[in-house]
Protein backbone atom coordinates (compact mmCIF):
# COMPACT_ATOMS: atom_id res chain seq x y z
CA MET A 1 85.60 119.25 98.49
CA SER A 2 85.63 115.70 99.83
CA GLN A 3 84.04 114.61 103.14
CA THR A 4 86.07 112.81 105.72
CA ILE A 5 84.40 110.49 107.79
CA HIS A 6 85.45 108.74 110.99
CA VAL A 7 83.61 105.67 112.02
CA VAL A 8 84.04 103.53 115.14
CA PHE A 9 82.70 100.06 115.23
CA PRO A 10 82.67 99.05 119.09
CA CYS A 11 82.96 95.37 119.05
CA ASN A 12 82.29 92.78 121.70
CA GLU A 13 85.43 91.44 123.70
CA GLY A 14 87.42 89.24 121.48
CA ALA A 15 85.42 90.32 118.42
CA GLY A 16 87.52 93.10 116.85
CA ALA A 17 89.49 90.62 114.69
CA ASP A 18 86.21 89.11 113.58
CA LEU A 19 85.09 92.28 112.26
CA VAL A 20 88.22 93.04 110.50
CA GLY A 21 87.83 89.77 108.68
CA ILE A 22 84.29 90.78 107.66
CA LEU A 23 85.34 94.07 106.40
CA LYS A 24 88.04 92.76 104.05
CA GLU A 25 85.16 91.33 101.96
CA ALA A 26 82.58 93.97 102.62
CA LEU A 27 84.90 96.93 101.80
CA VAL A 28 85.50 95.53 98.45
CA ASP A 29 81.81 96.74 97.51
CA THR A 30 82.37 100.05 99.70
CA ARG A 31 85.44 100.99 97.57
CA ALA A 32 83.29 100.70 94.34
CA PHE A 33 80.39 102.50 95.66
CA ASP A 34 79.48 105.73 93.86
CA GLY A 35 81.41 108.67 95.69
CA CYS A 36 83.81 106.51 97.59
CA GLU A 37 87.22 107.84 97.27
CA SER A 38 89.06 105.86 99.99
CA VAL A 39 88.51 103.69 103.28
CA GLU A 40 91.26 102.74 105.56
CA VAL A 41 90.78 100.30 108.59
CA PHE A 42 92.46 100.56 111.98
CA THR A 43 92.07 98.98 115.34
CA ASN A 44 92.60 100.99 118.43
CA ALA A 45 96.03 100.04 120.04
CA ASP A 46 94.64 100.55 123.50
CA ALA A 47 91.32 98.78 122.79
CA PRO A 48 91.64 96.29 119.94
CA ASP A 49 88.02 95.39 119.87
CA ASP A 50 87.32 99.09 118.73
CA VAL A 51 87.54 99.05 114.69
CA VAL A 52 88.00 102.33 113.18
CA LEU A 53 87.50 103.43 109.52
CA TRP A 54 88.72 106.48 108.17
CA GLU A 55 86.89 107.17 105.09
CA LYS A 56 86.73 109.90 102.33
CA PHE A 57 83.70 110.28 100.03
CA ALA A 58 82.91 112.77 97.32
CA SER A 59 80.52 114.35 99.71
CA ARG A 60 78.30 113.81 102.90
CA ALA A 61 75.19 112.84 100.72
CA HIS A 62 77.35 110.12 98.86
CA HIS A 63 78.19 108.61 102.40
CA GLU A 64 74.65 108.82 103.54
CA ALA A 65 73.61 107.17 100.41
CA TYR A 66 75.97 104.59 101.01
CA LEU A 67 74.95 104.11 104.79
CA GLY A 68 71.32 103.75 103.49
CA TRP A 69 72.35 101.01 100.95
CA ARG A 70 74.18 99.10 103.67
CA VAL A 71 71.09 99.28 105.97
CA GLU A 72 68.92 98.14 102.72
CA THR A 73 71.31 95.22 102.15
CA GLY A 74 71.20 94.07 105.79
CA LEU A 75 75.10 94.39 106.37
CA LEU A 76 74.48 96.50 109.54
CA ASP A 77 72.08 93.93 110.89
CA ALA A 78 74.55 91.03 110.06
CA LEU A 79 77.12 92.94 112.27
CA ALA A 80 74.98 93.25 115.25
CA PRO A 81 76.15 90.05 116.92
CA VAL A 82 79.81 91.48 116.96
CA LEU A 83 78.94 94.87 118.19
CA ARG A 84 78.40 95.99 121.88
CA SER A 85 76.81 99.03 120.68
CA ASP A 86 75.83 101.08 117.65
CA LEU A 87 78.49 102.16 115.29
CA GLN A 88 79.43 105.91 115.69
CA VAL A 89 79.71 108.13 112.57
CA SER A 90 81.45 111.66 112.73
CA TYR A 91 81.55 113.82 109.63
CA LEU A 92 84.61 116.03 109.88
CA ASP A 93 85.20 119.47 108.30
CA ASP A 94 88.66 120.08 107.11
CA HIS A 95 90.67 123.24 108.40
CA ALA A 96 93.32 123.34 105.65
CA ASP A 97 94.13 126.80 106.49
CA VAL A 98 95.24 125.87 110.02
């Protein structure tokens, strides 16, 4: 079963649009990463500097490998100037029977 992941990038005031621009390029590699099934990007309608990713990966292990790769390649460090705090990653369990 696929793993659903909710990621919030809390950006500095006015930097949400900058992050969306960065993600347009960066997510090309994400979508090609082993185990990535989909990535959608949203901004919070009430807090537009909070950028939200809704991701599906083949497994949590695939996503954790992906995050490790992003750390190794320096993308997370490169995003530090636009972020007001660390990104928030939540792994969600599906309850399809409800």
